[in-house]
Amino acid sequence: MISGLPFKILALTIIMLSPPALAGPYEDAAAAYARRSYTEALLLWQELAAQGNAAAQYNLGALYENGQGVPKDSAAAERWYRLAAGQGLADAQFTLGLRYANGQNMSEALKWYRLAAEQGFTQAQYNLGAIFDEANGVRRDFSEAAKWYRLAADNGSAAAQANLGLMHEVGRGVRLDFAEAANWYQRAAEQGHALAQSRLGLLYDQGRGVEQDFAKALKWYRLAADQGNAAAQNNLGVLHAQGKGVEKNDSEAVKWYGLSAEQGFAAAQANLGAAYDMGLGVAQDATEAIKWLGMAADSAYAPAQHSLGAMAANGRGGPPDHAAAARWYRLAAVQGFAPAQFDLGASYENGVGLPQDHGQAVKWYRLAAAQGHVAAQFRLGVSYDLGQGVTQDYVEAIKWYRAAVAQGDAAAQNNLGSMYEYGLGVAQDYVEAVKWYQFSADQGYAKAQYNLGLMHANGRGVPPDFMIAHQWLDLAIEADPPLAPKDMDDATDNRGQIAARLAPEELAQAQRRAREWLAAHPKH
């Protein structure tokens, strides 16, 4: 939960007011206390306490508790607190609850907190909420926790408002409601509560419960970060790195990552490691990258474990070590980190760092694909398409190709086009094949450009057109990444045959179209 229970007993606050009938002597005692004449205050409050004045009894307890005007005497302090609490004084009831909580007698603590809380004593309401929230000596009860937090929050407790916001954000003990979470975070944040500021910033960052607004996210992150909140410092770094709500500045991002990372915040350690790995905002330094990623990985932070795997696989920081990469991928994959699940699947599929095992590859692809990892969805489709690690099933292959296509994956668009071209798992449909090849080719996918060129050359799904065919074969041959060697040979041969059928001006026009396409698609 957002903040721990405030059970540590600090110097107790003296109650400075009294009923009008006793205002004179009580105010004299309060004045003596204010000028640190504790012995004089003690004598005056003793007389009033003997007359049954609950506030004076409580104040005597505080003097004995703090050793002011009298030697410290915890037993005497408790006697006076009990006398005041027995008369219904909420301050005394709360203080007794605090003492029992510190002594780990939670049943007694609950009793006294409840008595004070029912009188509207804010801190007692908050502590009751925290006890039920954290199952401190009681059975955890989020609904009961939310009830007491709400009462304290309505009384203005920033800590209670922040905790109530979190409960609404995660749907614990209350309905899941991001807008309500934002409301409570806002109230706490305006009181300077750092964690509420950080969480409110995150809601604006993600557009949950509020309209997405990176400038406001930046504002609240900054306020929390300036108070040393590690999560906010990391998130502020991310906004600077991405240029959201502020001008992109990798050096500023690294500064905030560093402040957060030094506090042991794993995500910031991973981000700082990534900055060193890629040389963003700092000089590229694989050793420093491994250091920070290692710190995060030691905290079982899956993204850092995955990044260390990628560094090992690609030989950043040392010779390539695919076995070490697979070990890191596995540590992250078993935590459910989809990119690591995909890479572990690829390691099994290709027999890199691990014995080749298509069944294991399918297992990890499936886990990543179920989380929406597009490359895993595509590879799972390929596995069903080819019958690798699973029984060949074109319908299932199409299902996973379509899942990847829904995310705009060019390779999946091309393969879906092939399924329609050859009638695998669907009725043969050249028009539909051309449609998917076109989508993929427009993204610069070489194999689709090659396939599309052949469809135009052969008049499948479109009227035969050698100029358009030559254009797409040109593009396929020049694409980066390139065609597979066999496809490259075939594409080159087919382009030569088509060129021989074109008049010189037609060939020039086809080549011009290819150049124009490249100019309009510079990333390809």
Protein backbone atom coordinates (compact mmCIF):
# COMPACT_ATOMS: atom_id res chain seq x y z
CA MET A 1 0.00 0.00 0.00
CA ILE A 2 1.08 3.59 -0.42
CA SER A 3 2.30 4.28 3.12
CA GLY A 4 3.03 2.25 6.17
CA LEU A 5 1.32 2.44 9.50
CA PRO A 6 2.43 5.44 11.57
CA PHE A 7 2.88 3.38 14.72
CA LYS A 8 6.06 4.92 16.01
CA ILE A 9 5.33 7.10 19.07
CA LEU A 10 6.72 10.57 18.68
CA ALA A 11 6.56 13.51 21.07
CA LEU A 12 2.91 13.87 21.90
CA THR A 13 0.89 16.99 21.24
CA ILE A 14 -0.50 18.91 24.18
CA ILE A 15 -4.19 19.80 24.00
CA MET A 16 -4.27 23.58 24.30
CA LEU A 17 -8.03 24.15 24.78
CA SER A 18 -10.34 23.48 27.72
CA PRO A 19 -14.00 23.87 28.68
CA PRO A 20 -14.89 27.50 29.49
CA ALA A 21 -15.39 26.77 33.19
CA LEU A 22 -11.74 25.84 33.52
CA ALA A 23 -10.38 28.21 30.90
CA GLY A 24 -8.36 30.35 33.32
CA PRO A 25 -6.23 27.69 35.07
CA TYR A 26 -6.04 25.57 31.93
CA GLU A 27 -4.86 28.47 29.80
CA ASP A 28 -2.31 29.35 32.49
CA ALA A 29 -0.96 25.81 32.25
CA ALA A 30 -0.94 25.95 28.45
CA ALA A 31 0.91 29.29 28.56
CA ALA A 32 3.47 27.83 30.97
CA TYR A 33 3.95 24.85 28.67
CA ALA A 34 4.38 27.15 25.65
CA ARG A 35 7.23 28.99 27.39
CA ARG A 36 8.70 25.62 28.41
CA SER A 37 7.94 26.03 32.11
CA TYR A 38 7.03 22.37 32.25
CA THR A 39 7.06 22.05 36.05
CA GLU A 40 4.58 24.91 36.40
CA ALA A 41 2.36 23.39 33.70
CA LEU A 42 2.57 20.02 35.46
CA LEU A 43 1.38 21.45 38.78
CA LEU A 44 -1.52 23.33 37.21
CA TRP A 45 -2.67 20.35 35.13
CA GLN A 46 -2.36 18.03 38.10
CA GLU A 47 -4.91 20.10 40.00
CA LEU A 48 -7.30 20.12 37.05
CA ALA A 49 -6.74 16.43 36.39
CA ALA A 50 -7.65 15.64 39.97
CA GLN A 51 -10.93 17.43 39.34
CA GLY A 52 -11.58 15.08 36.40
CA ASN A 53 -10.59 17.32 33.49
CA ALA A 54 -9.94 14.87 30.66
CA ALA A 55 -7.74 17.21 28.61
CA ALA A 56 -5.57 17.90 31.65
CA GLN A 57 -5.33 14.16 32.32
CA TYR A 58 -4.22 13.59 28.74
CA ASN A 59 -1.65 16.38 28.95
CA LEU A 60 -0.22 14.93 32.14
CA GLY A 61 0.18 11.65 30.30
CA ALA A 62 2.08 13.46 27.55
CA LEU A 63 4.37 15.17 30.10
CA TYR A 64 5.22 11.81 31.66
CA GLU A 65 5.62 10.28 28.21
CA ASN A 66 8.06 12.98 27.07
CA GLY A 67 9.80 13.58 30.41
CA GLN A 68 8.82 17.24 30.56
CA GLY A 69 8.83 18.67 34.09
CA VAL A 70 8.99 15.14 35.48
CA PRO A 71 11.15 12.05 34.87
CA LYS A 72 9.91 9.87 32.01
CA ASP A 73 7.45 7.33 33.33
CA SER A 74 5.60 5.24 30.75
CA ALA A 75 3.39 3.54 33.33
CA ALA A 76 2.28 6.87 34.78
CA ALA A 77 1.67 8.20 31.29
CA GLU A 78 -0.59 5.27 30.51
CA ARG A 79 -2.58 5.72 33.73
CA TRP A 80 -3.38 9.31 32.84
CA TYR A 81 -4.18 8.41 29.22
CA ARG A 82 -6.59 5.75 30.42
CA LEU A 83 -8.37 8.18 32.72
CA ALA A 84 -8.79 10.64 29.83
CA ALA A 85 -9.75 7.91 27.36
CA GLY A 86 -12.31 6.55 29.80
CA GLN A 87 -14.02 9.91 29.63
CA GLY A 88 -14.18 9.65 25.86
CA LEU A 89 -11.31 11.95 24.92
CA ALA A 90 -10.45 10.91 21.36
CA ASP A 91 -6.82 12.11 21.57
CA ALA A 92 -6.23 9.82 24.53
CA GLN A 93 -8.01 6.91 22.89
CA PHE A 94 -5.88 7.31 19.79
CA THR A 95 -2.70 7.55 21.87
CA LEU A 96 -3.55 4.35 23.71
CA GLY A 97 -4.18 2.68 20.37
CA LEU A 98 -0.80 3.88 19.16
CA ARG A 99 0.96 2.54 22.26
CA TYR A 100 -0.69 -0.85 21.92
CA ALA A 101 0.13 -0.99 18.21
CA ASN A 102 3.78 -0.30 18.99
CA GLY A 103 3.63 -3.10 21.52
CA GLN A 104 2.10 -5.43 18.90
CA ASN A 105 -1.11 -5.84 20.86
CA MET A 106 -3.34 -5.25 17.87
CA SER A 107 -6.60 -6.30 19.50
CA GLU A 108 -6.23 -3.55 22.10
CA ALA A 109 -4.96 -1.12 19.48
CA LEU A 110 -8.05 -1.78 17.37
CA LYS A 111 -10.33 -1.22 20.32
CA TRP A 112 -8.92 2.22 21.14
CA TYR A 113 -8.47 3.30 17.52
CA ARG A 114 -12.08 2.42 16.83
CA LEU A 115 -13.33 4.47 19.78
CA ALA A 116 -11.34 7.48 18.57
CA ALA A 117 -12.24 6.91 14.93
CA GLU A 118 -15.93 6.77 15.68
CA GLN A 119 -15.61 10.27 17.09
CA GLY A 120 -14.10 11.43 13.79
CA PHE A 121 -10.44 11.37 14.85
CA THR A 122 -8.76 11.41 11.47
CA GLN A 123 -5.48 9.69 12.29
CA ALA A 124 -7.30 6.88 14.05
CA GLN A 125 -9.52 6.41 11.01
CA TYR A 126 -6.45 6.26 8.79
CA ASN A 127 -4.66 3.77 11.05
CA LEU A 128 -7.71 1.53 11.15
CA GLY A 129 -7.78 1.56 7.37
CA ALA A 130 -4.08 0.69 7.22
CA ILE A 131 -4.46 -2.17 9.71
CA PHE A 132 -7.18 -3.83 7.66
CA ASP A 133 -5.36 -3.02 4.41
CA GLU A 134 -2.08 -4.59 5.52
CA ALA A 135 -3.56 -7.41 7.63
CA ASN A 136 -1.62 -6.17 10.65
CA GLY A 137 -2.82 -8.46 13.43
CA VAL A 138 -6.23 -8.86 11.81
CA ARG A 139 -7.66 -10.68 8.83
CA ARG A 140 -7.16 -8.56 5.70
CA ASP A 141 -10.36 -6.80 4.73
CA PHE A 142 -10.04 -4.33 1.85
CA SER A 143 -13.66 -3.21 2.12
CA GLU A 144 -13.18 -2.33 5.78
CA ALA A 145 -9.92 -0.60 4.95
CA ALA A 146 -11.61 1.47 2.25
CA LYS A 147 -14.38 2.43 4.66
CA TRP A 148 -11.94 3.92 7.19
CA TYR A 149 -9.72 5.49 4.53
CA ARG A 150 -12.79 7.19 3.09
CA LEU A 151 -13.69 8.70 6.46
CA ALA A 152 -10.14 9.94 6.99
CA ALA A 153 -9.95 11.16 3.38
CA ASP A 154 -13.14 13.15 3.82
CA ASN A 155 -11.48 14.74 6.85
CA GLY A 156 -8.59 15.85 4.66
CA SER A 157 -5.96 13.18 5.33
CA ALA A 158 -3.64 13.23 2.32
CA ALA A 159 -2.30 9.76 3.11
CA ALA A 160 -5.84 8.36 3.25
CA GLN A 161 -6.78 10.15 0.03
CA ALA A 162 -3.73 8.64 -1.69
CA ASN A 163 -4.51 5.15 -0.43
CA LEU A 164 -8.14 5.44 -1.41
CA GLY A 165 -7.02 6.54 -4.86
CA LEU A 166 -4.86 3.47 -5.18
CA MET A 167 -7.70 1.20 -4.10
CA HIS A 168 -9.89 2.66 -6.85
CA GLU A 169 -7.04 2.40 -9.35
CA VAL A 170 -6.61 -1.33 -8.77
CA GLY A 171 -10.20 -2.15 -7.76
CA ARG A 172 -9.36 -3.38 -4.29
CA GLY A 173 -12.15 -3.12 -1.72
CA VAL A 174 -13.94 -0.63 -3.96
CA ARG A 175 -15.03 -0.55 -7.59
CA LEU A 176 -12.33 -0.17 -10.21
CA ASP A 177 -12.67 3.47 -11.24
CA PHE A 178 -9.75 5.41 -12.70
CA ALA A 179 -11.65 8.69 -12.63
CA GLU A 180 -12.33 8.26 -8.92
CA ALA A 181 -8.70 7.32 -8.39
CA ALA A 182 -7.64 10.51 -10.14
CA ASN A 183 -10.03 12.52 -7.97
CA TRP A 184 -8.50 11.25 -4.73
CA TYR A 185 -4.94 11.48 -6.01
CA GLN A 186 -5.62 15.08 -7.05
CA ARG A 187 -6.80 16.00 -3.55
CA ALA A 188 -3.77 14.38 -1.94
CA ALA A 189 -1.37 15.73 -4.56
CA GLU A 190 -2.52 19.28 -3.97
CA GLN A 191 -1.51 18.80 -0.33
CA GLY A 192 1.98 17.83 -1.49
CA HIS A 193 1.67 14.07 -1.06
CA ALA A 194 4.53 12.77 -3.22
CA LEU A 195 3.16 9.33 -3.96
CA ALA A 196 -0.22 10.75 -4.93
CA GLN A 197 1.54 13.21 -7.23
CA SER A 198 3.43 10.34 -8.82
CA ARG A 199 0.31 8.21 -9.32
CA LEU A 200 -1.66 11.18 -10.67
CA GLY A 201 1.15 11.82 -13.12
CA LEU A 202 0.94 8.21 -14.25
CA LEU A 203 -2.81 8.49 -14.89
CA TYR A 204 -2.25 11.58 -17.05
CA ASP A 205 0.66 9.82 -18.76
CA GLN A 206 -1.50 6.80 -19.65
CA GLY A 207 -4.80 8.63 -20.11
CA ARG A 208 -6.63 6.55 -17.52
CA GLY A 209 -9.51 8.28 -15.74
CA VAL A 210 -8.38 11.60 -17.21
CA GLU A 211 -7.69 12.83 -20.71
CA GLN A 212 -4.12 11.94 -21.67
CA ASP A 213 -1.98 15.01 -21.08
CA PHE A 214 1.80 14.63 -21.06
CA ALA A 215 2.32 18.20 -19.86
CA LYS A 216 0.25 17.51 -16.74
CA ALA A 217 1.96 14.17 -16.29
CA LEU A 218 5.29 15.99 -16.42
CA LYS A 219 4.10 18.54 -13.87
CA TRP A 220 3.03 15.96 -11.30
CA TYR A 221 6.02 13.71 -11.88
CA ARG A 222 8.30 16.69 -11.36
CA LEU A 223 6.65 17.68 -8.08
CA ALA A 224 6.94 14.13 -6.78
CA ALA A 225 10.46 13.70 -8.16
CA ASP A 226 11.61 16.86 -6.42
CA GLN A 227 10.53 15.20 -3.16
CA GLY A 228 12.67 12.16 -4.00
CA ASN A 229 9.95 9.83 -5.23
CA ALA A 230 11.86 7.18 -7.18
CA ALA A 231 8.99 6.08 -9.43
CA ALA A 232 8.29 9.67 -10.45
CA GLN A 233 11.99 10.30 -11.13
CA ASN A 234 12.10 7.30 -13.43
CA ASN A 235 8.88 8.26 -15.22
CA LEU A 236 10.09 11.84 -15.60
CA GLY A 237 13.18 10.43 -17.26
CA VAL A 238 11.02 8.41 -19.65
CA LEU A 239 9.06 11.51 -20.70
CA HIS A 240 12.32 13.35 -21.42
CA ALA A 241 13.64 10.35 -23.37
CA GLN A 242 10.47 10.15 -25.46
CA GLY A 243 9.94 13.89 -25.83
CA LYS A 244 6.44 13.73 -24.40
CA GLY A 245 5.23 16.94 -22.75
CA VAL A 246 8.76 18.30 -23.02
CA GLU A 247 11.50 18.59 -25.63
CA LYS A 248 13.31 15.30 -26.11
CA ASN A 249 16.48 15.31 -24.02
CA ASP A 250 18.35 12.08 -23.41
CA SER A 251 20.83 13.71 -21.03
CA GLU A 252 17.99 14.97 -18.84
CA ALA A 253 16.43 11.51 -18.98
CA VAL A 254 19.67 9.94 -17.77
CA LYS A 255 19.84 12.44 -14.90
CA TRP A 256 16.45 11.37 -13.60
CA TYR A 257 17.12 7.69 -14.22
CA GLY A 258 20.27 8.05 -12.15
CA LEU A 259 18.52 9.68 -9.20
CA SER A 260 15.90 6.95 -9.19
CA ALA A 261 18.38 4.13 -9.81
CA GLU A 262 20.51 5.22 -6.86
CA GLN A 263 17.46 4.59 -4.68
CA GLY A 264 17.31 1.02 -5.97
CA PHE A 265 14.32 1.50 -8.28
CA ALA A 266 14.66 -1.43 -10.67
CA ALA A 267 12.91 0.13 -13.67
CA ALA A 268 15.24 3.13 -13.51
CA GLN A 269 18.28 0.89 -13.17
CA ALA A 270 17.14 -0.94 -16.30
CA ASN A 271 16.51 2.33 -18.16
CA LEU A 272 19.89 3.67 -17.14
CA GLY A 273 21.50 0.43 -18.28
CA ALA A 274 19.72 0.70 -21.62
CA ALA A 275 20.94 4.30 -22.01
CA TYR A 276 24.54 3.16 -21.52
CA ASP A 277 23.97 0.21 -23.86
CA MET A 278 22.70 2.45 -26.67
CA GLY A 279 24.72 5.57 -25.87
CA LEU A 280 21.67 7.75 -25.30
CA GLY A 281 22.45 10.77 -23.13
CA VAL A 282 25.74 9.19 -22.04
CA ALA A 283 28.80 7.76 -23.76
CA GLN A 284 28.10 4.21 -24.88
CA ASP A 285 29.55 1.87 -22.27
CA ALA A 286 28.65 -1.83 -22.25
CA THR A 287 30.32 -2.39 -18.87
CA GLU A 288 28.25 0.33 -17.25
CA ALA A 289 25.13 -0.97 -19.02
CA ILE A 290 25.69 -4.48 -17.65
CA LYS A 291 26.29 -3.05 -14.17
CA TRP A 292 22.95 -1.25 -14.00
CA LEU A 293 20.99 -3.93 -15.81
CA GLY A 294 22.52 -6.46 -13.43
CA MET A 295 21.30 -4.50 -10.41
CA ALA A 296 17.78 -4.50 -11.81
CA ALA A 297 18.03 -8.16 -12.79
CA ASP A 298 19.09 -9.02 -9.22
CA SER A 299 15.72 -7.61 -8.17
CA ALA A 300 14.09 -10.07 -10.60
CA TYR A 301 13.09 -7.22 -12.91
CA ALA A 302 12.15 -9.10 -16.07
CA PRO A 303 12.86 -6.35 -18.66
CA ALA A 304 16.42 -6.05 -17.34
CA GLN A 305 16.93 -9.81 -17.47
CA HIS A 306 15.70 -9.79 -21.06
CA SER A 307 18.02 -6.92 -21.96
CA LEU A 308 21.00 -8.75 -20.49
CA GLY A 309 20.02 -11.71 -22.65
CA ALA A 310 19.96 -9.52 -25.74
CA MET A 311 23.38 -8.06 -24.89
CA ALA A 312 24.81 -11.55 -24.44
CA ALA A 313 23.28 -12.78 -27.70
CA ASN A 314 24.64 -9.83 -29.69
CA GLY A 315 28.08 -9.75 -28.09
CA ARG A 316 27.72 -6.37 -26.43
CA GLY A 317 30.09 -6.34 -23.48
CA GLY A 318 31.89 -9.52 -24.52
CA PRO A 319 31.90 -12.32 -27.07
CA PRO A 320 28.43 -13.56 -28.11
CA ASP A 321 27.15 -16.09 -25.59
CA HIS A 322 23.87 -17.58 -26.74
CA ALA A 323 23.67 -20.03 -23.84
CA ALA A 324 23.89 -17.15 -21.36
CA ALA A 325 21.32 -15.25 -23.42
CA ALA A 326 18.91 -18.18 -23.21
CA ARG A 327 19.37 -18.35 -19.43
CA TRP A 328 18.49 -14.67 -19.09
CA TYR A 329 15.54 -15.04 -21.44
CA ARG A 330 14.21 -17.91 -19.35
CA LEU A 331 14.44 -15.95 -16.09
CA ALA A 332 12.33 -13.18 -17.63
CA ALA A 333 10.03 -15.54 -19.54
CA VAL A 334 8.91 -17.49 -16.48
CA GLN A 335 7.78 -14.16 -15.01
CA GLY A 336 5.48 -13.72 -18.01
CA PHE A 337 7.54 -11.12 -19.88
CA ALA A 338 6.35 -11.55 -23.46
CA PRO A 339 9.46 -10.31 -25.31
CA ALA A 340 11.57 -12.81 -23.37
CA GLN A 341 9.07 -15.58 -24.03
CA PHE A 342 9.35 -14.83 -27.74
CA ASP A 343 13.15 -14.78 -27.71
CA LEU A 344 13.29 -18.00 -25.72
CA GLY A 345 10.94 -19.55 -28.29
CA ALA A 346 13.19 -18.33 -31.09
CA SER A 347 16.23 -19.80 -29.32
CA TYR A 348 14.49 -23.18 -29.27
CA GLU A 349 13.24 -22.89 -32.85
CA ASN A 350 16.66 -22.04 -34.23
CA GLY A 351 18.72 -24.17 -31.85
CA VAL A 352 20.74 -21.15 -30.72
CA GLY A 353 21.99 -21.40 -27.15
CA LEU A 354 19.66 -24.35 -26.61
CA PRO A 355 19.04 -27.70 -28.33
CA GLN A 356 16.59 -27.21 -31.20
CA ASP A 357 13.12 -28.11 -30.00
CA HIS A 358 10.11 -26.96 -32.03
CA GLY A 359 7.69 -28.13 -29.34
CA GLN A 360 9.34 -25.88 -26.76
CA ALA A 361 9.42 -23.07 -29.30
CA VAL A 362 5.67 -23.36 -29.82
CA LYS A 363 5.11 -23.43 -26.06
CA TRP A 364 6.88 -20.10 -25.52
CA TYR A 365 5.52 -18.49 -28.68
CA ARG A 366 2.01 -19.36 -27.54
CA LEU A 367 2.54 -17.72 -24.15
CA ALA A 368 3.87 -14.55 -25.74
CA ALA A 369 1.22 -14.57 -28.49
CA ALA A 370 -1.55 -14.78 -25.90
CA GLN A 371 -0.25 -11.47 -24.51
CA GLY A 372 -0.46 -9.86 -27.95
CA HIS A 373 3.22 -10.11 -28.88
CA VAL A 374 2.97 -9.67 -32.65
CA ALA A 375 6.16 -11.48 -33.66
CA ALA A 376 5.16 -14.44 -31.49
CA GLN A 377 1.73 -14.50 -33.13
CA PHE A 378 3.40 -14.60 -36.53
CA ARG A 379 5.87 -17.36 -35.59
CA LEU A 380 3.07 -19.39 -34.02
CA GLY A 381 1.18 -19.05 -37.31
CA VAL A 382 4.26 -20.25 -39.17
CA SER A 383 4.57 -23.22 -36.80
CA TYR A 384 1.02 -24.33 -37.61
CA ASP A 385 1.54 -23.54 -41.29
CA LEU A 386 4.62 -25.78 -41.53
CA GLY A 387 3.66 -28.30 -38.85
CA GLN A 388 6.71 -27.52 -36.73
CA GLY A 389 6.24 -28.52 -33.09
CA VAL A 390 2.51 -28.97 -33.68
CA THR A 391 0.26 -30.88 -36.03
CA GLN A 392 -0.01 -28.96 -39.28
CA ASP A 393 -3.20 -26.92 -39.21
CA TYR A 394 -3.78 -24.24 -41.82
CA VAL A 395 -6.90 -22.92 -40.12
CA GLU A 396 -4.98 -22.38 -36.87
CA ALA A 397 -2.14 -20.83 -38.85
CA ILE A 398 -4.56 -18.34 -40.39
CA LYS A 399 -5.97 -17.55 -36.96
CA TRP A 400 -2.53 -16.45 -35.70
CA TYR A 401 -1.62 -14.71 -38.94
CA ARG A 402 -4.81 -12.69 -38.62
CA ALA A 403 -3.93 -11.81 -35.01
CA ALA A 404 -0.60 -10.43 -36.22
CA VAL A 405 -2.21 -8.76 -39.23
CA ALA A 406 -4.55 -6.92 -36.86
CA GLN A 407 -1.41 -5.25 -35.50
CA GLY A 408 -0.19 -4.39 -39.00
CA ASP A 409 2.54 -7.02 -39.24
CA ALA A 410 3.86 -7.07 -42.81
CA ALA A 411 5.20 -10.65 -42.69
CA ALA A 412 1.81 -11.92 -41.51
CA GLN A 413 0.04 -9.94 -44.25
CA ASN A 414 2.27 -11.61 -46.83
CA ASN A 415 1.70 -15.10 -45.42
CA LEU A 416 -2.04 -14.53 -45.23
CA GLY A 417 -1.90 -13.55 -48.90
CA SER A 418 -0.11 -16.83 -49.67
CA MET A 419 -2.81 -18.80 -47.86
CA TYR A 420 -5.41 -17.20 -50.15
CA GLU A 421 -3.26 -17.62 -53.24
CA TYR A 422 -2.86 -21.37 -52.70
CA GLY A 423 -6.17 -22.06 -50.94
CA LEU A 424 -4.62 -23.28 -47.69
CA GLY A 425 -7.16 -23.21 -44.84
CA VAL A 426 -9.39 -20.92 -46.92
CA ALA A 427 -11.01 -21.02 -50.35
CA GLN A 428 -8.52 -20.03 -53.02
CA ASP A 429 -9.02 -16.33 -53.80
CA TYR A 430 -6.48 -14.45 -55.93
CA VAL A 431 -8.18 -11.10 -55.35
CA GLU A 432 -7.90 -11.53 -51.61
CA ALA A 433 -4.31 -12.70 -52.02
CA VAL A 434 -3.42 -9.57 -53.98
CA LYS A 435 -5.07 -7.42 -51.30
CA TRP A 436 -2.84 -8.81 -48.55
CA TYR A 437 0.30 -8.83 -50.68
CA GLN A 438 -0.37 -5.18 -51.46
CA PHE A 439 -0.73 -4.25 -47.78
CA SER A 440 2.54 -5.98 -47.00
CA ALA A 441 4.37 -4.68 -50.07
CA ASP A 442 3.37 -1.13 -49.21
CA GLN A 443 5.27 -1.59 -45.94
CA GLY A 444 8.39 -2.52 -47.88
CA TYR A 445 8.28 -6.27 -47.18
CA ALA A 446 10.45 -7.80 -49.91
CA LYS A 447 8.76 -11.20 -50.17
CA ALA A 448 5.34 -9.56 -50.61
CA GLN A 449 6.73 -7.22 -53.26
CA TYR A 450 8.07 -10.28 -55.09
CA ASN A 451 4.74 -12.11 -54.77
CA LEU A 452 2.80 -9.07 -55.88
CA GLY A 453 5.04 -8.73 -58.92
CA LEU A 454 4.31 -12.33 -59.91
CA MET A 455 0.55 -11.83 -59.44
CA HIS A 456 0.64 -8.86 -61.85
CA ALA A 457 2.83 -10.79 -64.28
CA ASN A 458 0.50 -13.78 -64.30
CA GLY A 459 -2.77 -11.86 -64.13
CA ARG A 460 -3.89 -13.47 -60.88
CA GLY A 461 -6.42 -11.35 -59.03
CA VAL A 462 -5.50 -8.38 -61.24
CA PRO A 463 -5.26 -7.81 -65.02
CA PRO A 464 -1.85 -8.85 -66.38
CA ASP A 465 0.54 -5.88 -66.37
CA PHE A 466 4.24 -6.41 -67.02
CA MET A 467 5.18 -2.83 -66.17
CA ILE A 468 3.62 -3.06 -62.69
CA ALA A 469 5.11 -6.52 -62.30
CA HIS A 470 8.59 -5.18 -63.18
CA GLN A 471 8.14 -2.30 -60.75
CA TRP A 472 7.43 -4.62 -57.81
CA LEU A 473 10.18 -7.05 -58.74
CA ASP A 474 12.60 -4.12 -58.92
CA LEU A 475 11.54 -3.06 -55.44
CA ALA A 476 11.79 -6.60 -54.08
CA ILE A 477 15.33 -7.02 -55.42
CA GLU A 478 16.46 -3.68 -53.92
CA ALA A 479 14.66 -4.12 -50.59
CA ASP A 480 16.37 -4.04 -47.22
CA PRO A 481 16.26 -6.46 -45.52
CA PRO A 482 16.79 -8.44 -48.73
CA LEU A 483 15.04 -11.46 -50.14
CA ALA A 484 16.25 -14.93 -49.22
CA PRO A 485 18.96 -16.09 -51.67
CA LYS A 486 16.69 -18.45 -53.65
CA ASP A 487 13.92 -15.84 -53.87
CA MET A 488 16.50 -13.29 -54.96
CA ASP A 489 17.65 -15.53 -57.78
CA ASP A 490 14.07 -16.22 -58.86
CA ALA A 491 13.09 -12.55 -58.68
CA THR A 492 16.11 -11.53 -60.72
CA ASP A 493 15.39 -14.18 -63.35
CA ASN A 494 11.70 -13.22 -63.56
CA ARG A 495 12.52 -9.53 -63.82
CA GLY A 496 14.86 -10.28 -66.71
CA GLN A 497 12.18 -12.27 -68.54
CA ILE A 498 9.62 -9.50 -68.01
CA ALA A 499 12.07 -6.79 -69.12
CA ALA A 500 12.58 -8.67 -72.37
CA ARG A 501 8.85 -8.34 -73.08
CA LEU A 502 8.70 -4.60 -72.45
CA ALA A 503 9.34 -1.88 -74.98
CA PRO A 504 12.22 0.43 -73.97
CA GLU A 505 9.81 3.23 -72.98
CA GLU A 506 7.71 0.77 -70.93
CA LEU A 507 10.79 -0.51 -69.13
CA ALA A 508 11.88 3.06 -68.37
CA GLN A 509 8.41 3.85 -67.03
CA ALA A 510 8.45 0.75 -64.79
CA GLN A 511 11.87 1.70 -63.43
CA ARG A 512 10.70 5.29 -62.87
CA ARG A 513 7.68 4.04 -60.91
CA ALA A 514 9.96 1.99 -58.69
CA ARG A 515 12.13 5.06 -58.01
CA GLU A 516 9.06 7.16 -57.26
CA TRP A 517 7.79 4.53 -54.86
CA LEU A 518 11.12 4.51 -53.02
CA ALA A 519 11.09 8.30 -52.82
CA ALA A 520 7.59 8.22 -51.34
CA HIS A 521 8.62 5.49 -48.86
CA PRO A 522 12.07 6.61 -47.66
CA LYS A 523 12.13 4.28 -44.64
CA HIS A 524 12.11 1.34 -47.02
